[in-house]
Amino acid sequence: MGKFSKYDWGKFASLENLSCRVRSGCRDHPPWPEGICTKCQPSPVTLEIQPYRHVDYVQFENGQIMETFLDFWRQTGRQRIGLLLGRYAHFDTAGSPPLAIKAVVAAIYEPAQESTPRSVKLTDPLDALMPKRTVEVARRLGLRPVGWIFTDLVAEEQPNRGEVQHFRGTMYQSKAKQAVYLKGMGCEKLHTSSAFL
């Protein structure tokens, strides 16, 4: 197992609300905009481009792909994980970031897994999630793994109302921990986007 710093294990960064207002009431100079000093000017803010982003947009070729994936959850109430199979393409829609990449999903492969209403566990090792024959068929169709999809919804107490409870934000710490572990094991190199454009 790779060595991780204390910041790698699912910790959340504390974001503070920055104020970019000029502090008023300074008597050392005329009021803004006629004057300003280092005591009353806002702290400098540096905006940087995210150093790595896998994709900027995810597009499903057919909405039925998602419906089929969600049907398992709708019928059983148990969670599910799927591997998104598709291809990468340039995303050059107006307003998109420069050199944007989109993942175009053609299929969802659901590896062997054990699920409950509150959890899901993959039963095969990472290097055996897709059988070799499935990998070969996907390759011949021009498809490759482009991401993951998973449910995290639980139906509310009263069925037929269509209301669900989600766990986003409360349980992602452990998911982030697992993602960091996989990254440390080199799994991010299995299917990177930049090599396929």
Protein backbone atom coordinates (compact mmCIF):
# COMPACT_ATOMS: atom_id res chain seq x y z
CA MET A 1 0.00 0.00 0.00
CA GLY A 2 1.30 3.45 -0.89
CA LYS A 3 2.13 6.00 1.76
CA PHE A 4 -0.39 8.79 2.10
CA SER A 5 -0.19 12.02 4.02
CA LYS A 6 -2.74 12.82 6.69
CA TYR A 7 -4.57 14.94 4.10
CA ASP A 8 -5.16 12.06 1.68
CA TRP A 9 -7.55 9.95 3.74
CA GLY A 10 -10.95 11.42 3.02
CA LYS A 11 -10.41 14.68 4.87
CA PHE A 12 -12.40 17.65 3.73
CA ALA A 13 -10.64 20.94 3.07
CA SER A 14 -12.04 23.80 5.05
CA LEU A 15 -13.17 26.52 2.67
CA GLU A 16 -13.59 29.98 4.05
CA ASN A 17 -15.84 32.68 2.67
CA LEU A 18 -13.50 35.30 1.30
CA SER A 19 -14.44 38.95 1.40
CA CYS A 20 -13.01 41.00 -1.45
CA ARG A 21 -14.44 44.26 -0.15
CA VAL A 22 -12.33 47.26 0.68
CA ARG A 23 -12.41 47.87 4.43
CA SER A 24 -14.05 51.21 5.09
CA GLY A 25 -13.24 53.77 7.75
CA CYS A 26 -9.47 53.98 7.25
CA ARG A 27 -8.22 57.47 8.21
CA ASP A 28 -4.79 57.16 6.53
CA HIS A 29 -6.06 58.12 3.03
CA PRO A 30 -9.11 59.43 1.20
CA PRO A 31 -11.99 56.92 0.91
CA TRP A 32 -12.03 54.37 -1.91
CA PRO A 33 -11.82 54.81 -4.91
CA GLU A 34 -9.73 57.97 -4.39
CA GLY A 35 -7.29 56.15 -2.11
CA ILE A 36 -6.41 52.76 -0.63
CA CYS A 37 -3.70 51.32 1.61
CA THR A 38 -2.46 47.80 2.38
CA LYS A 39 -4.42 47.73 5.65
CA CYS A 40 -7.81 48.24 4.01
CA GLN A 41 -7.37 46.51 0.66
CA PRO A 42 -8.65 42.94 0.36
CA SER A 43 -6.24 40.03 0.52
CA PRO A 44 -4.98 38.87 -2.88
CA VAL A 45 -6.81 35.95 -4.46
CA THR A 46 -5.20 33.69 -7.05
CA LEU A 47 -7.40 31.66 -9.36
CA GLU A 48 -5.76 28.65 -10.95
CA ILE A 49 -6.86 26.13 -13.52
CA GLN A 50 -7.53 22.74 -11.98
CA PRO A 51 -4.32 20.77 -12.63
CA TYR A 52 -6.12 17.59 -13.62
CA ARG A 53 -9.69 16.98 -14.63
CA HIS A 54 -10.72 13.65 -16.07
CA VAL A 55 -13.67 14.96 -18.07
CA ASP A 56 -15.66 18.16 -18.25
CA TYR A 57 -18.96 16.65 -19.36
CA VAL A 58 -20.66 13.24 -19.40
CA GLN A 59 -23.13 12.46 -22.17
CA PHE A 60 -25.28 9.34 -22.46
CA GLU A 61 -25.91 8.16 -26.02
CA ASN A 62 -29.35 6.93 -25.01
CA GLY A 63 -31.40 7.83 -21.92
CA GLN A 64 -32.58 4.23 -21.66
CA ILE A 65 -29.06 3.27 -20.52
CA MET A 66 -29.59 5.18 -17.28
CA GLU A 67 -33.18 3.99 -16.88
CA THR A 68 -32.08 0.36 -17.15
CA PHE A 69 -29.38 0.94 -14.52
CA LEU A 70 -31.86 2.61 -12.13
CA ASP A 71 -34.52 -0.08 -12.63
CA PHE A 72 -32.60 -2.48 -10.37
CA TRP A 73 -32.72 0.08 -7.54
CA ARG A 74 -36.39 0.88 -8.24
CA GLN A 75 -37.41 -2.77 -8.12
CA THR A 76 -35.28 -3.96 -5.19
CA GLY A 77 -34.35 -0.85 -3.18
CA ARG A 78 -30.73 -2.05 -3.15
CA GLN A 79 -27.75 0.02 -4.25
CA ARG A 80 -25.80 -0.65 -7.45
CA ILE A 81 -22.41 0.16 -9.01
CA GLY A 82 -21.72 0.27 -12.73
CA LEU A 83 -18.72 0.82 -14.96
CA LEU A 84 -19.41 3.41 -17.66
CA LEU A 85 -18.26 2.20 -21.08
CA GLY A 86 -17.86 4.69 -23.89
CA ARG A 87 -15.38 6.93 -25.60
CA TYR A 88 -13.79 10.33 -25.09
CA ALA A 89 -14.47 13.23 -27.45
CA HIS A 90 -13.70 16.91 -27.61
CA PHE A 91 -16.39 19.02 -25.94
CA ASP A 92 -16.51 22.21 -27.96
CA THR A 93 -19.93 23.57 -27.05
CA ALA A 94 -20.19 27.33 -26.52
CA GLY A 95 -19.18 28.20 -22.97
CA SER A 96 -17.19 25.01 -22.37
CA PRO A 97 -13.65 25.31 -20.94
CA PRO A 98 -10.73 25.37 -23.38
CA LEU A 99 -9.63 21.89 -24.51
CA ALA A 100 -12.68 20.41 -22.80
CA ILE A 101 -13.21 16.66 -22.91
CA LYS A 102 -16.48 14.77 -22.67
CA ALA A 103 -17.15 11.13 -21.97
CA VAL A 104 -19.82 9.70 -24.27
CA VAL A 105 -21.37 6.71 -22.47
CA ALA A 106 -22.70 3.89 -24.67
CA ALA A 107 -23.24 1.22 -22.01
CA ILE A 108 -23.09 0.50 -18.28
CA TYR A 109 -21.42 -2.75 -17.26
CA GLU A 110 -22.43 -3.94 -13.80
CA PRO A 111 -19.66 -6.09 -12.29
CA ALA A 112 -20.35 -8.84 -9.75
CA GLN A 113 -21.46 -7.17 -6.51
CA GLU A 114 -23.30 -7.66 -3.25
CA SER A 115 -25.76 -4.93 -2.36
CA THR A 116 -28.09 -3.86 0.41
CA PRO A 117 -30.37 -0.82 0.71
CA ARG A 118 -27.48 1.10 2.36
CA SER A 119 -24.31 -0.36 0.80
CA VAL A 120 -22.75 -2.10 -2.16
CA LYS A 121 -19.55 -4.15 -2.37
CA LEU A 122 -17.67 -5.34 -5.45
CA THR A 123 -16.96 -9.07 -5.15
CA ASP A 124 -14.15 -9.36 -7.72
CA PRO A 125 -10.67 -7.85 -7.49
CA LEU A 126 -10.19 -4.62 -9.45
CA ASP A 127 -8.16 -6.26 -12.20
CA ALA A 128 -10.95 -8.81 -12.81
CA LEU A 129 -14.03 -6.57 -12.76
CA MET A 130 -14.76 -7.20 -16.44
CA PRO A 131 -14.35 -10.69 -17.93
CA LYS A 132 -11.78 -10.86 -20.74
CA ARG A 133 -14.47 -11.62 -23.30
CA THR A 134 -16.43 -8.52 -22.25
CA VAL A 135 -13.28 -6.40 -22.48
CA GLU A 136 -12.62 -7.75 -25.99
CA VAL A 137 -16.19 -7.11 -27.19
CA ALA A 138 -16.06 -3.57 -25.78
CA ARG A 139 -12.70 -2.96 -27.48
CA ARG A 140 -14.05 -4.14 -30.84
CA LEU A 141 -16.98 -1.75 -30.45
CA GLY A 142 -14.57 1.10 -29.71
CA LEU A 143 -15.63 1.31 -26.05
CA ARG A 144 -13.46 1.61 -22.98
CA PRO A 145 -14.11 2.36 -19.30
CA VAL A 146 -14.67 6.12 -18.92
CA GLY A 147 -15.98 6.29 -15.35
CA TRP A 148 -18.17 4.86 -12.59
CA ILE A 149 -21.78 5.32 -11.65
CA PHE A 150 -23.43 4.32 -8.38
CA THR A 151 -26.69 4.84 -6.56
CA ASP A 152 -26.84 6.26 -3.06
CA LEU A 153 -30.59 6.63 -2.68
CA VAL A 154 -32.96 5.10 -0.13
CA ALA A 155 -36.74 5.26 -0.59
CA GLU A 156 -38.51 7.30 2.07
CA GLU A 157 -40.87 5.62 4.54
CA GLN A 158 -44.01 6.16 2.47
CA PRO A 159 -43.78 4.31 -0.84
CA ASN A 160 -45.61 5.64 -3.89
CA ARG A 161 -44.73 9.25 -3.01
CA GLY A 162 -41.60 9.13 -5.14
CA GLU A 163 -39.41 10.67 -2.45
CA VAL A 164 -35.89 9.48 -1.74
CA GLN A 165 -33.19 10.16 0.81
CA HIS A 166 -29.60 10.48 -0.36
CA PHE A 167 -26.34 10.16 1.53
CA ARG A 168 -24.21 12.60 -0.46
CA GLY A 169 -22.05 14.57 1.89
CA THR A 170 -22.47 12.27 4.88
CA MET A 171 -20.88 9.09 3.55
CA TYR A 172 -18.51 10.37 0.86
CA GLN A 173 -15.64 10.53 3.29
CA SER A 174 -15.24 6.76 3.14
CA LYS A 175 -15.76 6.80 -0.62
CA ALA A 176 -13.05 9.44 -0.95
CA LYS A 177 -10.78 7.31 1.22
CA GLN A 178 -11.30 4.35 -1.12
CA ALA A 179 -10.67 6.52 -4.17
CA VAL A 180 -7.40 7.77 -2.71
CA TYR A 181 -6.39 4.18 -1.97
CA LEU A 182 -7.14 3.16 -5.57
CA LYS A 183 -5.20 6.16 -6.85
CA GLY A 184 -2.27 5.17 -4.67
CA MET A 185 -2.39 1.67 -6.11
CA GLY A 186 -2.03 3.11 -9.61
CA CYS A 187 -5.58 2.40 -10.76
CA GLU A 188 -5.96 5.90 -12.19
CA LYS A 189 -3.43 4.91 -14.86
CA LEU A 190 -5.61 2.05 -16.11
CA HIS A 191 -8.02 4.30 -17.99
CA THR A 192 -6.87 7.89 -18.40
CA SER A 193 -8.54 10.21 -20.85
CA SER A 194 -5.66 12.16 -22.38
CA ALA A 195 -4.17 9.16 -24.19
CA PHE A 196 -7.38 8.44 -26.08
CA LEU A 197 -8.05 11.77 -27.81
